[in-house]
């Protein structure tokens, strides 16, 4: 199964991962609400792919979201930005 990560803001391709199965905890999907999952993750069963909306580094920086202190997040954990 391929997982395609695309920037929700600019549409840029971020990365593609190939996995045997999706571990929701490993990918951080377990932290999402049902509504967030519906908004962020799209599964194509026929193509055996998953498309995940995220933010690229450029957009994170341009939106000022790279400053963890301003976001109230510890400097070592950016996993909350999907």
PDB file of N, CA and C in Angstrom:
ATOM      1  N   UNK A   1       0.836  -1.168   0.000  1.00  0.00           N
ATOM      2  CA  UNK A   1       0.000   0.000   0.000  1.00  0.00           C
ATOM      3  C   UNK A   1       0.887   1.240   0.000  1.00  0.00           C
ATOM      4  N   UNK A   2       0.511   2.202  -0.829  1.00  0.00           N
ATOM      5  CA  UNK A   2       1.253   3.463  -0.876  1.00  0.00           C
ATOM      6  C   UNK A   2       0.477   4.537  -0.132  1.00  0.00           C
ATOM      7  N   UNK A   3       1.228   5.334   0.623  1.00  0.00           N
ATOM      8  CA  UNK A   3       0.661   6.476   1.329  1.00  0.00           C
ATOM      9  C   UNK A   3       1.277   7.726   0.716  1.00  0.00           C
ATOM     10  N   UNK A   4       0.437   8.569   0.149  1.00  0.00           N
ATOM     11  CA  UNK A   4       0.881   9.810  -0.475  1.00  0.00           C
ATOM     12  C   UNK A   4       0.571  10.976   0.459  1.00  0.00           C
ATOM     13  N   UNK A   5       1.598  11.751   0.797  1.00  0.00           N
ATOM     14  CA  UNK A   5       1.431  12.948   1.619  1.00  0.00           C
ATOM     15  C   UNK A   5       1.499  14.163   0.703  1.00  0.00           C
ATOM     16  N   UNK A   6       0.477  15.011   0.781  1.00  0.00           N
ATOM     17  CA  UNK A   6       0.391  16.207  -0.042  1.00  0.00           C
ATOM     18  C   UNK A   6       0.102  17.405   0.855  1.00  0.00           C
ATOM     19  N   UNK A   7       0.716  18.530   0.535  1.00  0.00           N
ATOM     20  CA  UNK A   7       0.478  19.746   1.307  1.00  0.00           C
ATOM     21  C   UNK A   7      -0.933  20.261   1.023  1.00  0.00           C
ATOM     22  N   UNK A   8      -1.694  20.400   2.066  1.00  0.00           N
ATOM     23  CA  UNK A   8      -3.067  20.884   1.937  1.00  0.00           C
ATOM     24  C   UNK A   8      -3.104  22.335   1.467  1.00  0.00           C
ATOM     25  N   UNK A   9      -2.094  23.104   1.793  1.00  0.00           N
ATOM     26  CA  UNK A   9      -2.089  24.534   1.491  1.00  0.00           C
ATOM     27  C   UNK A   9      -1.649  24.824   0.054  1.00  0.00           C
ATOM     28  N   UNK A  10      -0.492  24.285  -0.360  1.00  0.00           N
ATOM     29  CA  UNK A  10       0.040  24.609  -1.692  1.00  0.00           C
ATOM     30  C   UNK A  10      -0.123  23.478  -2.704  1.00  0.00           C
ATOM     31  N   UNK A  11      -0.501  22.280  -2.244  1.00  0.00           N
ATOM     32  CA  UNK A  11      -0.707  21.152  -3.146  1.00  0.00           C
ATOM     33  C   UNK A  11       0.556  20.398  -3.512  1.00  0.00           C
ATOM     34  N   UNK A  12       1.692  20.801  -2.963  1.00  0.00           N
ATOM     35  CA  UNK A  12       2.977  20.168  -3.276  1.00  0.00           C
ATOM     36  C   UNK A  12       3.038  18.750  -2.711  1.00  0.00           C
ATOM     37  N   UNK A  13       3.618  17.841  -3.494  1.00  0.00           N
ATOM     38  CA  UNK A  13       3.854  16.474  -3.019  1.00  0.00           C
ATOM     39  C   UNK A  13       4.931  16.523  -1.941  1.00  0.00           C
ATOM     40  N   UNK A  14       4.657  15.921  -0.780  1.00  0.00           N
ATOM     41  CA  UNK A  14       5.614  15.922   0.323  1.00  0.00           C
ATOM     42  C   UNK A  14       6.425  14.641   0.334  1.00  0.00           C
ATOM     43  N   UNK A  15       5.750  13.505   0.273  1.00  0.00           N
ATOM     44  CA  UNK A  15       6.459  12.223   0.342  1.00  0.00           C
ATOM     45  C   UNK A  15       5.500  11.102  -0.021  1.00  0.00           C
ATOM     46  N   UNK A  16       6.075   9.962  -0.362  1.00  0.00           N
ATOM     47  CA  UNK A  16       5.312   8.742  -0.600  1.00  0.00           C
ATOM     48  C   UNK A  16       5.969   7.629   0.188  1.00  0.00           C
ATOM     49  N   UNK A  17       5.169   6.911   0.931  1.00  0.00           N
ATOM     50  CA  UNK A  17       5.658   5.769   1.695  1.00  0.00           C
ATOM     51  C   UNK A  17       4.989   4.514   1.176  1.00  0.00           C
ATOM     52  N   UNK A  18       5.714   3.418   1.194  1.00  0.00           N
ATOM     53  CA  UNK A  18       5.126   2.133   0.826  1.00  0.00           C
ATOM     54  C   UNK A  18       5.203   1.223   2.044  1.00  0.00           C
ATOM     55  N   UNK A  19       4.039   0.732   2.468  1.00  0.00           N
ATOM     56  CA  UNK A  19       3.950  -0.102   3.662  1.00  0.00           C
ATOM     57  C   UNK A  19       3.071  -1.317   3.376  1.00  0.00           C
ATOM     58  N   UNK A  20       3.271  -2.367   4.180  1.00  0.00           N
ATOM     59  CA  UNK A  20       2.419  -3.548   4.056  1.00  0.00           C
ATOM     60  C   UNK A  20       1.040  -3.284   4.643  1.00  0.00           C
ATOM     61  N   UNK A  21       1.026  -2.598   5.780  1.00  0.00           N
ATOM     62  CA  UNK A  21      -0.235  -2.216   6.408  1.00  0.00           C
ATOM     63  C   UNK A  21      -0.017  -0.927   7.190  1.00  0.00           C
ATOM     64  N   UNK A  22      -1.101  -0.243   7.465  1.00  0.00           N
ATOM     65  CA  UNK A  22      -1.000   1.033   8.172  1.00  0.00           C
ATOM     66  C   UNK A  22      -1.155   0.801   9.666  1.00  0.00           C
ATOM     67  N   UNK A  23      -0.142   1.222  10.399  1.00  0.00           N
ATOM     68  CA  UNK A  23      -0.179   1.204  11.859  1.00  0.00           C
ATOM     69  C   UNK A  23      -0.619   2.600  12.296  1.00  0.00           C
ATOM     70  N   UNK A  24      -1.868   2.722  12.733  1.00  0.00           N
ATOM     71  CA  UNK A  24      -2.434   4.034  13.043  1.00  0.00           C
ATOM     72  C   UNK A  24      -1.658   4.781  14.120  1.00  0.00           C
ATOM     73  N   UNK A  25      -1.118   4.060  15.091  1.00  0.00           N
ATOM     74  CA  UNK A  25      -0.342   4.704  16.155  1.00  0.00           C
ATOM     75  C   UNK A  25       0.976   5.224  15.589  1.00  0.00           C
ATOM     76  N   UNK A  26       1.649   4.410  14.799  1.00  0.00           N
ATOM     77  CA  UNK A  26       2.944   4.792  14.221  1.00  0.00           C
ATOM     78  C   UNK A  26       2.823   6.044  13.345  1.00  0.00           C
ATOM     79  N   UNK A  27       1.731   6.143  12.595  1.00  0.00           N
ATOM     80  CA  UNK A  27       1.546   7.279  11.697  1.00  0.00           C
ATOM     81  C   UNK A  27       0.824   8.451  12.359  1.00  0.00           C
ATOM     82  N   UNK A  28       0.423   8.288  13.620  1.00  0.00           N
ATOM     83  CA  UNK A  28      -0.228   9.369  14.347  1.00  0.00           C
ATOM     84  C   UNK A  28      -1.701   9.542  14.035  1.00  0.00           C
ATOM     85  N   UNK A  29      -2.270   8.619  13.277  1.00  0.00           N
ATOM     86  CA  UNK A  29      -3.679   8.736  12.911  1.00  0.00           C
ATOM     87  C   UNK A  29      -4.600   8.485  14.102  1.00  0.00           C
ATOM     88  N   UNK A  30      -4.109   7.797  15.117  1.00  0.00           N
ATOM     89  CA  UNK A  30      -4.923   7.489  16.297  1.00  0.00           C
ATOM     90  C   UNK A  30      -5.273   8.744  17.097  1.00  0.00           C
ATOM     91  N   UNK A  31      -4.532   9.823  16.888  1.00  0.00           N
ATOM     92  CA  UNK A  31      -4.771  11.081  17.612  1.00  0.00           C
ATOM     93  C   UNK A  31      -5.859  11.929  16.958  1.00  0.00           C
ATOM     94  N   UNK A  32      -6.298  11.537  15.780  1.00  0.00           N
ATOM     95  CA  UNK A  32      -7.282  12.323  15.040  1.00  0.00           C
ATOM     96  C   UNK A  32      -8.706  11.975  15.455  1.00  0.00           C
ATOM     97  N   UNK A  33      -9.560  12.974  15.446  1.00  0.00           N
ATOM     98  CA  UNK A  33     -10.985  12.726  15.664  1.00  0.00           C
ATOM     99  C   UNK A  33     -11.559  12.121  14.381  1.00  0.00           C
ATOM    100  N   UNK A  34     -12.778  11.638  14.465  1.00  0.00           N
ATOM    101  CA  UNK A  34     -13.433  11.076  13.281  1.00  0.00           C
ATOM    102  C   UNK A  34     -13.544  12.128  12.178  1.00  0.00           C
ATOM    103  N   UNK A  35     -13.871  13.358  12.547  1.00  0.00           N
ATOM    104  CA  UNK A  35     -13.990  14.434  11.560  1.00  0.00           C
ATOM    105  C   UNK A  35     -12.637  14.768  10.935  1.00  0.00           C
ATOM    106  N   UNK A  36     -11.590  14.822  11.749  1.00  0.00           N
ATOM    107  CA  UNK A  36     -10.248  15.090  11.221  1.00  0.00           C
ATOM    108  C   UNK A  36      -9.819  13.985  10.265  1.00  0.00           C
ATOM    109  N   UNK A  37     -10.089  12.743  10.611  1.00  0.00           N
ATOM    110  CA  UNK A  37      -9.763  11.622   9.718  1.00  0.00           C
ATOM    111  C   UNK A  37     -10.462  11.789   8.378  1.00  0.00           C
ATOM    112  N   UNK A  38     -11.739  12.139   8.432  1.00  0.00           N
ATOM    113  CA  UNK A  38     -12.517  12.313   7.209  1.00  0.00           C
ATOM    114  C   UNK A  38     -11.952  13.449   6.357  1.00  0.00           C
ATOM    115  N   UNK A  39     -11.502  14.512   7.003  1.00  0.00           N
ATOM    116  CA  UNK A  39     -10.962  15.673   6.289  1.00  0.00           C
ATOM    117  C   UNK A  39      -9.551  15.444   5.755  1.00  0.00           C
ATOM    118  N   UNK A  40      -8.742  14.679   6.472  1.00  0.00           N
ATOM    119  CA  UNK A  40      -7.312  14.572   6.189  1.00  0.00           C
ATOM    120  C   UNK A  40      -6.935  13.327   5.397  1.00  0.00           C
ATOM    121  N   UNK A  41      -7.611  12.210   5.632  1.00  0.00           N
ATOM    122  CA  UNK A  41      -7.203  10.921   5.065  1.00  0.00           C
ATOM    123  C   UNK A  41      -8.245  10.426   4.071  1.00  0.00           C
ATOM    124  N   UNK A  42      -7.807  10.122   2.872  1.00  0.00           N
ATOM    125  CA  UNK A  42      -8.681   9.546   1.845  1.00  0.00           C
ATOM    126  C   UNK A  42      -8.078   8.217   1.397  1.00  0.00           C
ATOM    127  N   UNK A  43      -8.891   7.169   1.416  1.00  0.00           N
ATOM    128  CA  UNK A  43      -8.430   5.840   1.031  1.00  0.00           C
ATOM    129  C   UNK A  43      -9.045   5.451  -0.303  1.00  0.00           C
ATOM    130  N   UNK A  44      -8.208   4.941  -1.203  1.00  0.00           N
ATOM    131  CA  UNK A  44      -8.663   4.420  -2.489  1.00  0.00           C
ATOM    132  C   UNK A  44      -8.400   2.921  -2.475  1.00  0.00           C
ATOM    133  N   UNK A  45      -9.434   2.152  -2.168  1.00  0.00           N
ATOM    134  CA  UNK A  45      -9.296   0.705  -2.025  1.00  0.00           C
ATOM    135  C   UNK A  45      -8.896   0.058  -3.347  1.00  0.00           C
ATOM    136  N   UNK A  46      -9.465   0.518  -4.447  1.00  0.00           N
ATOM    137  CA  UNK A  46      -9.152  -0.057  -5.763  1.00  0.00           C
ATOM    138  C   UNK A  46      -7.685   0.123  -6.128  1.00  0.00           C
ATOM    139  N   UNK A  47      -7.123   1.275  -5.814  1.00  0.00           N
ATOM    140  CA  UNK A  47      -5.724   1.566  -6.138  1.00  0.00           C
ATOM    141  C   UNK A  47      -4.776   1.151  -5.019  1.00  0.00           C
ATOM    142  N   UNK A  48      -5.343   0.724  -3.872  1.00  0.00           N
ATOM    143  CA  UNK A  48      -4.554   0.339  -2.696  1.00  0.00           C
ATOM    144  C   UNK A  48      -3.643   1.492  -2.255  1.00  0.00           C
ATOM    145  N   UNK A  49      -4.251   2.691  -2.191  1.00  0.00           N
ATOM    146  CA  UNK A  49      -3.498   3.878  -1.801  1.00  0.00           C
ATOM    147  C   UNK A  49      -4.241   4.655  -0.716  1.00  0.00           C
ATOM    148  N   UNK A  50      -3.479   5.444   0.011  1.00  0.00           N
ATOM    149  CA  UNK A  50      -4.026   6.367   0.998  1.00  0.00           C
ATOM    150  C   UNK A  50      -3.423   7.734   0.700  1.00  0.00           C
ATOM    151  N   UNK A  51      -4.266   8.752   0.692  1.00  0.00           N
ATOM    152  CA  UNK A  51      -3.814  10.119   0.459  1.00  0.00           C
ATOM    153  C   UNK A  51      -4.031  10.905   1.742  1.00  0.00           C
ATOM    154  N   UNK A  52      -2.946  11.513   2.235  1.00  0.00           N
ATOM    155  CA  UNK A  52      -2.985  12.238   3.499  1.00  0.00           C
ATOM    156  C   UNK A  52      -2.661  13.709   3.240  1.00  0.00           C
ATOM    157  N   UNK A  53      -3.556  14.582   3.694  1.00  0.00           N
ATOM    158  CA  UNK A  53      -3.295  16.021   3.620  1.00  0.00           C
ATOM    159  C   UNK A  53      -2.441  16.399   4.818  1.00  0.00           C
ATOM    160  N   UNK A  54      -1.389  17.148   4.553  1.00  0.00           N
ATOM    161  CA  UNK A  54      -0.493  17.608   5.603  1.00  0.00           C
ATOM    162  C   UNK A  54      -0.053  19.019   5.237  1.00  0.00           C
ATOM    163  N   UNK A  55       1.029  19.480   5.811  1.00  0.00           N
ATOM    164  CA  UNK A  55       1.622  20.761   5.441  1.00  0.00           C
ATOM    165  C   UNK A  55       3.100  20.556   5.166  1.00  0.00           C
ATOM    166  N   UNK A  56       3.587  21.141   4.075  1.00  0.00           N
ATOM    167  CA  UNK A  56       5.011  21.034   3.759  1.00  0.00           C
ATOM    168  C   UNK A  56       5.805  22.002   4.640  1.00  0.00           C
ATOM    169  N   UNK A  57       7.101  21.782   4.711  1.00  0.00           N
ATOM    170  CA  UNK A  57       7.971  22.628   5.535  1.00  0.00           C
ATOM    171  C   UNK A  57       7.892  24.098   5.128  1.00  0.00           C
ATOM    172  N   UNK A  58       7.837  24.354   3.823  1.00  0.00           N
ATOM    173  CA  UNK A  58       7.778  25.735   3.348  1.00  0.00           C
ATOM    174  C   UNK A  58       6.521  26.434   3.863  1.00  0.00           C
ATOM    175  N   UNK A  59       5.377  25.759   3.761  1.00  0.00           N
ATOM    176  CA  UNK A  59       4.118  26.368   4.208  1.00  0.00           C
ATOM    177  C   UNK A  59       4.076  26.511   5.724  1.00  0.00           C
ATOM    178  N   UNK A  60       4.629  25.547   6.432  1.00  0.00           N
ATOM    179  CA  UNK A  60       4.704  25.653   7.891  1.00  0.00           C
ATOM    180  C   UNK A  60       5.484  26.908   8.272  1.00  0.00           C
ATOM    181  N   UNK A  61       6.621  27.125   7.599  1.00  0.00           N
ATOM    182  CA  UNK A  61       7.450  28.299   7.871  1.00  0.00           C
ATOM    183  C   UNK A  61       6.744  29.580   7.447  1.00  0.00           C
ATOM    184  N   UNK A  62       6.147  29.577   6.254  1.00  0.00           N
ATOM    185  CA  UNK A  62       5.514  30.801   5.756  1.00  0.00           C
ATOM    186  C   UNK A  62       4.302  31.203   6.588  1.00  0.00           C
ATOM    187  N   UNK A  63       3.676  30.252   7.256  1.00  0.00           N
ATOM    188  CA  UNK A  63       2.532  30.556   8.127  1.00  0.00           C
ATOM    189  C   UNK A  63       2.965  30.881   9.554  1.00  0.00           C
ATOM    190  N   UNK A  64       4.282  30.811   9.808  1.00  0.00           N
ATOM    191  CA  UNK A  64       4.789  31.098  11.141  1.00  0.00           C
ATOM    192  C   UNK A  64       4.541  29.981  12.132  1.00  0.00           C
ATOM    193  N   UNK A  65       4.273  28.794  11.618  1.00  0.00           N
ATOM    194  CA  UNK A  65       3.971  27.658  12.490  1.00  0.00           C
ATOM    195  C   UNK A  65       5.212  26.858  12.850  1.00  0.00           C
ATOM    196  N   UNK A  66       6.386  27.336  12.460  1.00  0.00           N
ATOM    197  CA  UNK A  66       7.617  26.625  12.796  1.00  0.00           C
ATOM    198  C   UNK A  66       8.156  27.053  14.154  1.00  0.00           C
ATOM    199  N   UNK A  67       7.535  28.037  14.759  1.00  0.00           N
ATOM    200  CA  UNK A  67       7.947  28.505  16.079  1.00  0.00           C
ATOM    201  C   UNK A  67       7.142  27.759  17.135  1.00  0.00           C
ATOM    202  N   UNK A  68       7.724  26.677  17.656  1.00  0.00           N
ATOM    203  CA  UNK A  68       7.023  25.831  18.619  1.00  0.00           C
ATOM    204  C   UNK A  68       6.636  26.572  19.887  1.00  0.00           C
ATOM    205  N   UNK A  69       7.449  27.521  20.305  1.00  0.00           N
ATOM    206  CA  UNK A  69       7.136  28.270  21.518  1.00  0.00           C
ATOM    207  C   UNK A  69       5.840  29.052  21.316  1.00  0.00           C
ATOM    208  N   UNK A  70       5.700  29.690  20.152  1.00  0.00           N
ATOM    209  CA  UNK A  70       4.484  30.451  19.858  1.00  0.00           C
ATOM    210  C   UNK A  70       3.263  29.540  19.791  1.00  0.00           C
ATOM    211  N   UNK A  71       3.477  28.299  19.380  1.00  0.00           N
ATOM    212  CA  UNK A  71       2.373  27.348  19.294  1.00  0.00           C
ATOM    213  C   UNK A  71       2.090  26.669  20.625  1.00  0.00           C
ATOM    214  N   UNK A  72       2.958  26.889  21.607  1.00  0.00           N
ATOM    215  CA  UNK A  72       2.773  26.251  22.900  1.00  0.00           C
ATOM    216  C   UNK A  72       3.130  24.783  22.899  1.00  0.00           C
ATOM    217  N   UNK A  73       3.999  24.375  21.974  1.00  0.00           N
ATOM    218  CA  UNK A  73       4.397  22.975  21.862  1.00  0.00           C
ATOM    219  C   UNK A  73       5.850  22.822  22.278  1.00  0.00           C
ATOM    220  N   UNK A  74       6.195  21.679  22.850  1.00  0.00           N
ATOM    221  CA  UNK A  74       7.609  21.433  23.160  1.00  0.00           C
ATOM    222  C   UNK A  74       8.434  21.410  21.880  1.00  0.00           C
ATOM    223  N   UNK A  75       9.661  21.850  21.961  1.00  0.00           N
ATOM    224  CA  UNK A  75      10.526  21.952  20.783  1.00  0.00           C
ATOM    225  C   UNK A  75      10.802  20.612  20.131  1.00  0.00           C
ATOM    226  N   UNK A  76      10.668  19.514  20.842  1.00  0.00           N
ATOM    227  CA  UNK A  76      11.016  18.212  20.277  1.00  0.00           C
ATOM    228  C   UNK A  76       9.844  17.505  19.618  1.00  0.00           C
ATOM    229  N   UNK A  77       8.636  18.051  19.696  1.00  0.00           N
ATOM    230  CA  UNK A  77       7.482  17.317  19.205  1.00  0.00           C
ATOM    231  C   UNK A  77       6.668  18.140  18.216  1.00  0.00           C
ATOM    232  N   UNK A  78       6.844  17.854  16.918  1.00  0.00           N
ATOM    233  CA  UNK A  78       6.059  18.521  15.890  1.00  0.00           C
ATOM    234  C   UNK A  78       4.992  17.587  15.327  1.00  0.00           C
ATOM    235  N   UNK A  79       4.771  16.456  15.948  1.00  0.00           N
ATOM    236  CA  UNK A  79       3.847  15.471  15.394  1.00  0.00           C
ATOM    237  C   UNK A  79       2.397  15.925  15.445  1.00  0.00           C
ATOM    238  N   UNK A  80       2.097  16.996  16.175  1.00  0.00           N
ATOM    239  CA  UNK A  80       0.721  17.450  16.252  1.00  0.00           C
ATOM    240  C   UNK A  80       0.310  18.276  15.041  1.00  0.00           C
ATOM    241  N   UNK A  81       1.263  18.634  14.197  1.00  0.00           N
ATOM    242  CA  UNK A  81       0.949  19.376  12.979  1.00  0.00           C
ATOM    243  C   UNK A  81       0.747  18.357  11.872  1.00  0.00           C
ATOM    244  N   UNK A  82      -0.483  18.204  11.435  1.00  0.00           N
ATOM    245  CA  UNK A  82      -0.773  17.224  10.371  1.00  0.00           C
ATOM    246  C   UNK A  82      -1.041  17.931   9.087  1.00  0.00           C
TER     247      UNK A  82
END
